Amino acid sequence: MWFVTNTTIPPKFYRPDTDLILVTTIEWITEQNDESGNIVWRGSPTIKNNQQAIHALYTVGVKGYRTKDDAKKFAKTMGIKTWKYLSLK
């Protein structure tokens, strides 16, 4: 599924009525540790659990699009100049 977001970190998501919403129930991570507690990855915020995030987005009325092109068509109808896409599988 493809979702349309703004450019903040963490991003806010666009609903079909073009309202922006910060979905606080999505868990974002910026690092990952191995079994010993050593950092094995550190970077930009990433969603920890895609399925949980998709459920949280649908719960608050954020629509996912089957293709990036479908998400782009929706984004262009909003009349905004910048947006991002987020792919969750």
C-alpha atoms as a PDB file:
ATOM      1  CA  MET A   1       0.000   0.000   0.000  1.00  0.00           C
ATOM      2  CA  TRP A   2       1.135   3.539  -0.726  1.00  0.00           C
ATOM      3  CA  PHE A   3       0.346   6.448   1.582  1.00  0.00           C
ATOM      4  CA  VAL A   4       0.715  10.187   0.987  1.00  0.00           C
ATOM      5  CA  THR A   5       2.518  12.169   3.711  1.00  0.00           C
ATOM      6  CA  ASN A   6       3.881  15.623   4.322  1.00  0.00           C
ATOM      7  CA  THR A   7       7.625  16.210   4.742  1.00  0.00           C
ATOM      8  CA  THR A   8       7.886  16.470   8.548  1.00  0.00           C
ATOM      9  CA  ILE A   9       9.633  13.886  10.718  1.00  0.00           C
ATOM     10  CA  PRO A  10       7.737  11.862  11.728  1.00  0.00           C
ATOM     11  CA  PRO A  11       5.396  12.475   8.822  1.00  0.00           C
ATOM     12  CA  LYS A  12       1.755  13.402   9.030  1.00  0.00           C
ATOM     13  CA  PHE A  13      -0.589  11.498   6.732  1.00  0.00           C
ATOM     14  CA  TYR A  14      -3.216  12.861   4.346  1.00  0.00           C
ATOM     15  CA  ARG A  15      -6.770  11.605   4.663  1.00  0.00           C
ATOM     16  CA  PRO A  16      -9.068  11.505   1.594  1.00  0.00           C
ATOM     17  CA  ASP A  17     -10.584  14.859   2.660  1.00  0.00           C
ATOM     18  CA  THR A  18      -6.981  16.267   2.530  1.00  0.00           C
ATOM     19  CA  ASP A  19      -6.786  16.783   6.305  1.00  0.00           C
ATOM     20  CA  LEU A  20      -3.343  16.068   7.738  1.00  0.00           C
ATOM     21  CA  ILE A  21      -3.123  13.797  10.754  1.00  0.00           C
ATOM     22  CA  LEU A  22      -0.266  12.728  13.001  1.00  0.00           C
ATOM     23  CA  VAL A  23      -0.873   9.076  13.814  1.00  0.00           C
ATOM     24  CA  THR A  24       0.606   8.722  17.287  1.00  0.00           C
ATOM     25  CA  THR A  25      -0.094   4.991  17.504  1.00  0.00           C
ATOM     26  CA  ILE A  26       2.549   4.203  14.859  1.00  0.00           C
ATOM     27  CA  GLU A  27       5.838   3.186  16.458  1.00  0.00           C
ATOM     28  CA  TRP A  28       8.896   4.703  14.782  1.00  0.00           C
ATOM     29  CA  ILE A  29      12.458   3.513  15.381  1.00  0.00           C
ATOM     30  CA  THR A  30      15.762   5.217  14.615  1.00  0.00           C
ATOM     31  CA  GLU A  31      18.090   2.376  15.576  1.00  0.00           C
ATOM     32  CA  GLN A  32      18.190  -1.385  15.917  1.00  0.00           C
ATOM     33  CA  ASN A  33      20.218  -3.415  18.390  1.00  0.00           C
ATOM     34  CA  ASP A  34      21.486  -6.993  18.261  1.00  0.00           C
ATOM     35  CA  GLU A  35      21.028  -9.532  21.076  1.00  0.00           C
ATOM     36  CA  SER A  36      24.008  -8.070  22.965  1.00  0.00           C
ATOM     37  CA  GLY A  37      22.609  -4.541  22.869  1.00  0.00           C
ATOM     38  CA  ASN A  38      25.069  -3.289  20.258  1.00  0.00           C
ATOM     39  CA  ILE A  39      23.671  -0.886  17.689  1.00  0.00           C
ATOM     40  CA  VAL A  40      23.588  -2.556  14.267  1.00  0.00           C
ATOM     41  CA  TRP A  41      21.643   0.155  12.453  1.00  0.00           C
ATOM     42  CA  ARG A  42      20.939   3.849  13.057  1.00  0.00           C
ATOM     43  CA  GLY A  43      19.214   6.228  10.668  1.00  0.00           C
ATOM     44  CA  SER A  44      16.104   8.127   9.687  1.00  0.00           C
ATOM     45  CA  PRO A  45      12.888   7.154  11.455  1.00  0.00           C
ATOM     46  CA  THR A  46      11.470   3.883  10.151  1.00  0.00           C
ATOM     47  CA  ILE A  47       8.198   2.192  10.997  1.00  0.00           C
ATOM     48  CA  LYS A  48       8.793  -0.710  13.357  1.00  0.00           C
ATOM     49  CA  ASN A  49       5.790  -2.860  12.327  1.00  0.00           C
ATOM     50  CA  ASN A  50       4.225  -2.253   8.913  1.00  0.00           C
ATOM     51  CA  GLN A  51       1.056  -4.275   9.568  1.00  0.00           C
ATOM     52  CA  GLN A  52       0.413  -2.431  12.831  1.00  0.00           C
ATOM     53  CA  ALA A  53       0.977   0.893  11.041  1.00  0.00           C
ATOM     54  CA  ILE A  54      -1.451   0.017   8.225  1.00  0.00           C
ATOM     55  CA  HIS A  55      -4.090  -0.909  10.806  1.00  0.00           C
ATOM     56  CA  ALA A  56      -3.474   2.347  12.726  1.00  0.00           C
ATOM     57  CA  LEU A  57      -3.758   4.397   9.518  1.00  0.00           C
ATOM     58  CA  TYR A  58      -7.022   2.770   8.461  1.00  0.00           C
ATOM     59  CA  THR A  59      -8.401   3.195  11.985  1.00  0.00           C
ATOM     60  CA  VAL A  60      -8.047   7.000  11.747  1.00  0.00           C
ATOM     61  CA  GLY A  61      -9.340   7.229   8.176  1.00  0.00           C
ATOM     62  CA  VAL A  62      -6.105   7.439   6.184  1.00  0.00           C
ATOM     63  CA  LYS A  63      -6.501   5.744   2.819  1.00  0.00           C
ATOM     64  CA  GLY A  64      -3.835   3.541   1.291  1.00  0.00           C
ATOM     65  CA  TYR A  65      -3.415   3.305  -2.467  1.00  0.00           C
ATOM     66  CA  ARG A  66      -2.644   0.133  -4.372  1.00  0.00           C
ATOM     67  CA  THR A  67      -0.009   1.744  -6.601  1.00  0.00           C
ATOM     68  CA  LYS A  68       2.307   4.719  -6.349  1.00  0.00           C
ATOM     69  CA  ASP A  69       0.612   6.153  -9.418  1.00  0.00           C
ATOM     70  CA  ASP A  70      -2.771   6.041  -7.641  1.00  0.00           C
ATOM     71  CA  ALA A  71      -1.243   7.843  -4.653  1.00  0.00           C
ATOM     72  CA  LYS A  72       0.260  10.434  -6.993  1.00  0.00           C
ATOM     73  CA  LYS A  73      -3.115  11.077  -8.623  1.00  0.00           C
ATOM     74  CA  PHE A  74      -4.620  11.709  -5.185  1.00  0.00           C
ATOM     75  CA  ALA A  75      -1.724  13.975  -4.135  1.00  0.00           C
ATOM     76  CA  LYS A  76      -2.110  16.110  -7.245  1.00  0.00           C
ATOM     77  CA  THR A  77      -5.762  16.798  -6.396  1.00  0.00           C
ATOM     78  CA  MET A  78      -4.795  18.449  -3.098  1.00  0.00           C
ATOM     79  CA  GLY A  79      -3.217  21.570  -4.552  1.00  0.00           C
ATOM     80  CA  ILE A  80      -0.083  21.329  -2.392  1.00  0.00           C
ATOM     81  CA  LYS A  81       3.435  21.736  -3.704  1.00  0.00           C
ATOM     82  CA  THR A  82       5.342  19.080  -1.734  1.00  0.00           C
ATOM     83  CA  TRP A  83       4.491  15.641  -0.430  1.00  0.00           C
ATOM     84  CA  LYS A  84       6.100  12.256   0.014  1.00  0.00           C
ATOM     85  CA  TYR A  85       5.023   8.677  -0.512  1.00  0.00           C
ATOM     86  CA  LEU A  86       5.377   5.918   2.039  1.00  0.00           C
ATOM     87  CA  SER A  87       5.150   2.287   0.937  1.00  0.00           C
ATOM     88  CA  LEU A  88       4.002  -0.252   3.517  1.00  0.00           C
ATOM     89  CA  LYS A  89       3.645  -3.957   2.751  1.00  0.00           C
END
